Amino acid sequence: MALDLCSSTIVLSGGKVVFSGPTEKVLNDSEFLHHNALEAPLCYARPYCQLEHAP
């Protein structure tokens, strides 16, 4: 849903901006998501949904 609604995303942690940029970029960074206690959309659990696998 976030990818459908938002072309850019800002992530805050401890009151500081830790990411500001394209939503699809942050959703494809599983290490960043895990480090910031975030989860990717369910479809991103499938490898073919990742940017590097895009046609």
PDB file of N, CA and C in Angstrom:
ATOM      1  N   MET A   1       0.812  -1.180   0.000  1.00  0.00           N
ATOM      2  CA  MET A   1       0.000   0.000   0.000  1.00  0.00           C
ATOM      3  C   MET A   1       0.868   1.262   0.000  1.00  0.00           C
ATOM      4  N   ALA A   2       1.926   1.279   0.801  1.00  0.00           N
ATOM      5  CA  ALA A   2       2.788   2.464   0.848  1.00  0.00           C
ATOM      6  C   ALA A   2       3.364   2.770  -0.528  1.00  0.00           C
ATOM      7  N   LEU A   3       3.762   1.736  -1.245  1.00  0.00           N
ATOM      8  CA  LEU A   3       4.340   1.935  -2.572  1.00  0.00           C
ATOM      9  C   LEU A   3       3.298   2.477  -3.544  1.00  0.00           C
ATOM     10  N   ASP A   4       2.056   2.057  -3.386  1.00  0.00           N
ATOM     11  CA  ASP A   4       0.976   2.539  -4.250  1.00  0.00           C
ATOM     12  C   ASP A   4       0.609   3.992  -3.960  1.00  0.00           C
ATOM     13  N   LEU A   5       0.756   4.403  -2.711  1.00  0.00           N
ATOM     14  CA  LEU A   5       0.302   5.730  -2.305  1.00  0.00           C
ATOM     15  C   LEU A   5       1.403   6.786  -2.217  1.00  0.00           C
ATOM     16  N   CYS A   6       2.638   6.354  -1.957  1.00  0.00           N
ATOM     17  CA  CYS A   6       3.714   7.310  -1.671  1.00  0.00           C
ATOM     18  C   CYS A   6       4.919   7.084  -2.573  1.00  0.00           C
ATOM     19  N   SER A   7       5.299   8.070  -3.325  1.00  0.00           N
ATOM     20  CA  SER A   7       6.486   7.936  -4.172  1.00  0.00           C
ATOM     21  C   SER A   7       7.767   8.173  -3.380  1.00  0.00           C
ATOM     22  N   SER A   8       7.652   8.874  -2.253  1.00  0.00           N
ATOM     23  CA  SER A   8       8.825   9.082  -1.399  1.00  0.00           C
ATOM     24  C   SER A   8       8.445   8.814   0.055  1.00  0.00           C
ATOM     25  N   THR A   9       9.470   8.498   0.841  1.00  0.00           N
ATOM     26  CA  THR A   9       9.273   8.108   2.233  1.00  0.00           C
ATOM     27  C   THR A   9      10.330   8.765   3.111  1.00  0.00           C
ATOM     28  N   ILE A  10       9.932   9.155   4.301  1.00  0.00           N
ATOM     29  CA  ILE A  10      10.860   9.648   5.315  1.00  0.00           C
ATOM     30  C   ILE A  10      10.722   8.724   6.515  1.00  0.00           C
ATOM     31  N   VAL A  11      11.861   8.201   6.990  1.00  0.00           N
ATOM     32  CA  VAL A  11      11.871   7.322   8.156  1.00  0.00           C
ATOM     33  C   VAL A  11      12.597   8.051   9.278  1.00  0.00           C
ATOM     34  N   LEU A  12      11.938   8.112  10.436  1.00  0.00           N
ATOM     35  CA  LEU A  12      12.522   8.747  11.614  1.00  0.00           C
ATOM     36  C   LEU A  12      12.914   7.680  12.627  1.00  0.00           C
ATOM     37  N   SER A  13      14.012   7.912  13.326  1.00  0.00           N
ATOM     38  CA  SER A  13      14.443   7.040  14.412  1.00  0.00           C
ATOM     39  C   SER A  13      15.078   7.918  15.481  1.00  0.00           C
ATOM     40  N   GLY A  14      14.569   7.841  16.667  1.00  0.00           N
ATOM     41  CA  GLY A  14      15.099   8.671  17.743  1.00  0.00           C
ATOM     42  C   GLY A  14      14.988  10.157  17.449  1.00  0.00           C
ATOM     43  N   GLY A  15      13.958  10.538  16.707  1.00  0.00           N
ATOM     44  CA  GLY A  15      13.751  11.949  16.385  1.00  0.00           C
ATOM     45  C   GLY A  15      14.617  12.477  15.255  1.00  0.00           C
ATOM     46  N   LYS A  16      15.373  11.581  14.601  1.00  0.00           N
ATOM     47  CA  LYS A  16      16.243  11.989  13.492  1.00  0.00           C
ATOM     48  C   LYS A  16      15.826  11.285  12.213  1.00  0.00           C
ATOM     49  N   VAL A  17      15.996  11.973  11.102  1.00  0.00           N
ATOM     50  CA  VAL A  17      15.723  11.377   9.796  1.00  0.00           C
ATOM     51  C   VAL A  17      16.840  10.385   9.472  1.00  0.00           C
ATOM     52  N   VAL A  18      16.470   9.113   9.289  1.00  0.00           N
ATOM     53  CA  VAL A  18      17.462   8.096   8.951  1.00  0.00           C
ATOM     54  C   VAL A  18      17.347   7.668   7.490  1.00  0.00           C
ATOM     55  N   PHE A  19      16.256   8.062   6.848  1.00  0.00           N
ATOM     56  CA  PHE A  19      16.090   7.815   5.416  1.00  0.00           C
ATOM     57  C   PHE A  19      15.119   8.830   4.866  1.00  0.00           C
ATOM     58  N   SER A  20      15.439   9.335   3.696  1.00  0.00           N
ATOM     59  CA  SER A  20      14.540  10.200   2.950  1.00  0.00           C
ATOM     60  C   SER A  20      14.797   9.939   1.479  1.00  0.00           C
ATOM     61  N   GLY A  21      13.815   9.358   0.811  1.00  0.00           N
ATOM     62  CA  GLY A  21      14.006   9.040  -0.597  1.00  0.00           C
ATOM     63  C   GLY A  21      12.869   8.218  -1.147  1.00  0.00           C
ATOM     64  N   PRO A  22      13.116   7.577  -2.292  1.00  0.00           N
ATOM     65  CA  PRO A  22      12.070   6.791  -2.952  1.00  0.00           C
ATOM     66  C   PRO A  22      11.575   5.637  -2.075  1.00  0.00           C
ATOM     67  N   THR A  23      10.281   5.484  -2.014  1.00  0.00           N
ATOM     68  CA  THR A  23       9.679   4.416  -1.209  1.00  0.00           C
ATOM     69  C   THR A  23      10.171   3.056  -1.648  1.00  0.00           C
ATOM     70  N   GLU A  24      10.252   2.811  -2.942  1.00  0.00           N
ATOM     71  CA  GLU A  24      10.678   1.488  -3.414  1.00  0.00           C
ATOM     72  C   GLU A  24      12.118   1.180  -3.005  1.00  0.00           C
ATOM     73  N   LYS A  25      12.940   2.203  -2.867  1.00  0.00           N
ATOM     74  CA  LYS A  25      14.320   1.977  -2.442  1.00  0.00           C
ATOM     75  C   LYS A  25      14.374   1.502  -0.993  1.00  0.00           C
ATOM     76  N   VAL A  26      13.643   2.163  -0.108  1.00  0.00           N
ATOM     77  CA  VAL A  26      13.658   1.751   1.304  1.00  0.00           C
ATOM     78  C   VAL A  26      13.001   0.387   1.483  1.00  0.00           C
ATOM     79  N   LEU A  27      11.962   0.103   0.714  1.00  0.00           N
ATOM     80  CA  LEU A  27      11.289  -1.186   0.848  1.00  0.00           C
ATOM     81  C   LEU A  27      12.144  -2.340   0.338  1.00  0.00           C
ATOM     82  N   ASN A  28      13.114  -2.057  -0.498  1.00  0.00           N
ATOM     83  CA  ASN A  28      13.995  -3.096  -1.025  1.00  0.00           C
ATOM     84  C   ASN A  28      15.249  -3.289  -0.187  1.00  0.00           C
ATOM     85  N   ASP A  29      15.407  -2.517   0.877  1.00  0.00           N
ATOM     86  CA  ASP A  29      16.597  -2.627   1.729  1.00  0.00           C
ATOM     87  C   ASP A  29      16.232  -3.390   2.997  1.00  0.00           C
ATOM     88  N   SER A  30      16.272  -4.718   2.931  1.00  0.00           N
ATOM     89  CA  SER A  30      15.826  -5.541   4.055  1.00  0.00           C
ATOM     90  C   SER A  30      16.668  -5.322   5.310  1.00  0.00           C
ATOM     91  N   GLU A  31      17.959  -5.056   5.145  1.00  0.00           N
ATOM     92  CA  GLU A  31      18.821  -4.805   6.309  1.00  0.00           C
ATOM     93  C   GLU A  31      18.397  -3.516   7.018  1.00  0.00           C
ATOM     94  N   PHE A  32      18.146  -2.472   6.250  1.00  0.00           N
ATOM     95  CA  PHE A  32      17.691  -1.206   6.818  1.00  0.00           C
ATOM     96  C   PHE A  32      16.355  -1.389   7.531  1.00  0.00           C
ATOM     97  N   LEU A  33      15.418  -2.078   6.891  1.00  0.00           N
ATOM     98  CA  LEU A  33      14.107  -2.306   7.490  1.00  0.00           C
ATOM     99  C   LEU A  33      14.245  -3.043   8.816  1.00  0.00           C
ATOM    100  N   HIS A  34      15.024  -4.103   8.831  1.00  0.00           N
ATOM    101  CA  HIS A  34      15.216  -4.885  10.047  1.00  0.00           C
ATOM    102  C   HIS A  34      15.848  -4.026  11.151  1.00  0.00           C
ATOM    103  N   HIS A  35      16.875  -3.275  10.801  1.00  0.00           N
ATOM    104  CA  HIS A  35      17.576  -2.427  11.767  1.00  0.00           C
ATOM    105  C   HIS A  35      16.640  -1.386  12.390  1.00  0.00           C
ATOM    106  N   ASN A  36      15.641  -0.951  11.639  1.00  0.00           N
ATOM    107  CA  ASN A  36      14.721   0.082  12.118  1.00  0.00           C
ATOM    108  C   ASN A  36      13.364  -0.484  12.524  1.00  0.00           C
ATOM    109  N   ALA A  37      13.317  -1.798  12.748  1.00  0.00           N
ATOM    110  CA  ALA A  37      12.101  -2.481  13.202  1.00  0.00           C
ATOM    111  C   ALA A  37      10.909  -2.231  12.285  1.00  0.00           C
ATOM    112  N   LEU A  38      11.178  -2.264  10.985  1.00  0.00           N
ATOM    113  CA  LEU A  38      10.136  -2.080   9.973  1.00  0.00           C
ATOM    114  C   LEU A  38       9.989  -3.373   9.184  1.00  0.00           C
ATOM    115  N   GLU A  39       8.864  -3.527   8.523  1.00  0.00           N
ATOM    116  CA  GLU A  39       8.624  -4.692   7.685  1.00  0.00           C
ATOM    117  C   GLU A  39       8.249  -4.257   6.289  1.00  0.00           C
ATOM    118  N   ALA A  40       8.747  -4.994   5.330  1.00  0.00           N
ATOM    119  CA  ALA A  40       8.376  -4.754   3.933  1.00  0.00           C
ATOM    120  C   ALA A  40       6.978  -5.320   3.700  1.00  0.00           C
ATOM    121  N   PRO A  41       6.284  -4.828   2.690  1.00  0.00           N
ATOM    122  CA  PRO A  41       4.986  -5.415   2.352  1.00  0.00           C
ATOM    123  C   PRO A  41       5.141  -6.907   2.080  1.00  0.00           C
ATOM    124  N   LEU A  42       4.092  -7.648   2.291  1.00  0.00           N
ATOM    125  CA  LEU A  42       4.132  -9.098   2.137  1.00  0.00           C
ATOM    126  C   LEU A  42       4.634  -9.515   0.763  1.00  0.00           C
ATOM    127  N   CYS A  43       4.233  -8.824  -0.284  1.00  0.00           N
ATOM    128  CA  CYS A  43       4.676  -9.225  -1.626  1.00  0.00           C
ATOM    129  C   CYS A  43       6.193  -9.085  -1.783  1.00  0.00           C
ATOM    130  N   TYR A  44       6.836  -8.246  -0.978  1.00  0.00           N
ATOM    131  CA  TYR A  44       8.289  -8.075  -1.082  1.00  0.00           C
ATOM    132  C   TYR A  44       9.052  -9.267  -0.509  1.00  0.00           C
ATOM    133  N   ALA A  45       8.355 -10.175   0.143  1.00  0.00           N
ATOM    134  CA  ALA A  45       8.995 -11.394   0.623  1.00  0.00           C
ATOM    135  C   ALA A  45       9.286 -12.332  -0.543  1.00  0.00           C
ATOM    136  N   ARG A  46       8.657 -12.078  -1.665  1.00  0.00           N
ATOM    137  CA  ARG A  46       8.864 -12.892  -2.862  1.00  0.00           C
ATOM    138  C   ARG A  46       9.977 -12.253  -3.686  1.00  0.00           C
ATOM    139  N   PRO A  47      10.993 -13.014  -4.064  1.00  0.00           N
ATOM    140  CA  PRO A  47      12.154 -12.445  -4.776  1.00  0.00           C
ATOM    141  C   PRO A  47      11.790 -11.674  -6.039  1.00  0.00           C
ATOM    142  N   TYR A  48      10.766 -12.087  -6.757  1.00  0.00           N
ATOM    143  CA  TYR A  48      10.448 -11.414  -8.009  1.00  0.00           C
ATOM    144  C   TYR A  48       9.846 -10.032  -7.797  1.00  0.00           C
ATOM    145  N   CYS A  49       9.561  -9.649  -6.556  1.00  0.00           N
ATOM    146  CA  CYS A  49       9.054  -8.311  -6.263  1.00  0.00           C
ATOM    147  C   CYS A  49      10.193  -7.322  -5.990  1.00  0.00           C
ATOM    148  N   GLN A  50      11.408  -7.813  -5.813  1.00  0.00           N
ATOM    149  CA  GLN A  50      12.540  -6.954  -5.517  1.00  0.00           C
ATOM    150  C   GLN A  50      12.986  -6.187  -6.761  1.00  0.00           C
ATOM    151  N   LEU A  51      13.495  -4.985  -6.588  1.00  0.00           N
ATOM    152  CA  LEU A  51      13.912  -4.159  -7.724  1.00  0.00           C
ATOM    153  C   LEU A  51      14.945  -4.842  -8.597  1.00  0.00           C
ATOM    154  N   GLU A  52      15.899  -5.542  -7.979  1.00  0.00           N
ATOM    155  CA  GLU A  52      16.949  -6.153  -8.789  1.00  0.00           C
ATOM    156  C   GLU A  52      16.419  -7.292  -9.658  1.00  0.00           C
ATOM    157  N   HIS A  53      15.208  -7.776  -9.372  1.00  0.00           N
ATOM    158  CA  HIS A  53      14.594  -8.838 -10.165  1.00  0.00           C
ATOM    159  C   HIS A  53      13.552  -8.285 -11.130  1.00  0.00           C
ATOM    160  N   ALA A  54      13.382  -6.991 -11.150  1.00  0.00           N
ATOM    161  CA  ALA A  54      12.358  -6.386 -12.006  1.00  0.00           C
ATOM    162  C   ALA A  54      12.725  -6.561 -13.479  1.00  0.00           C
ATOM    163  N   PRO A  55      11.713  -6.732 -14.313  1.00  0.00           N
ATOM    164  CA  PRO A  55      11.978  -6.886 -15.765  1.00  0.00           C
ATOM    165  C   PRO A  55      12.536  -5.626 -16.388  1.00  0.00           C
TER     166      PRO A  55
END
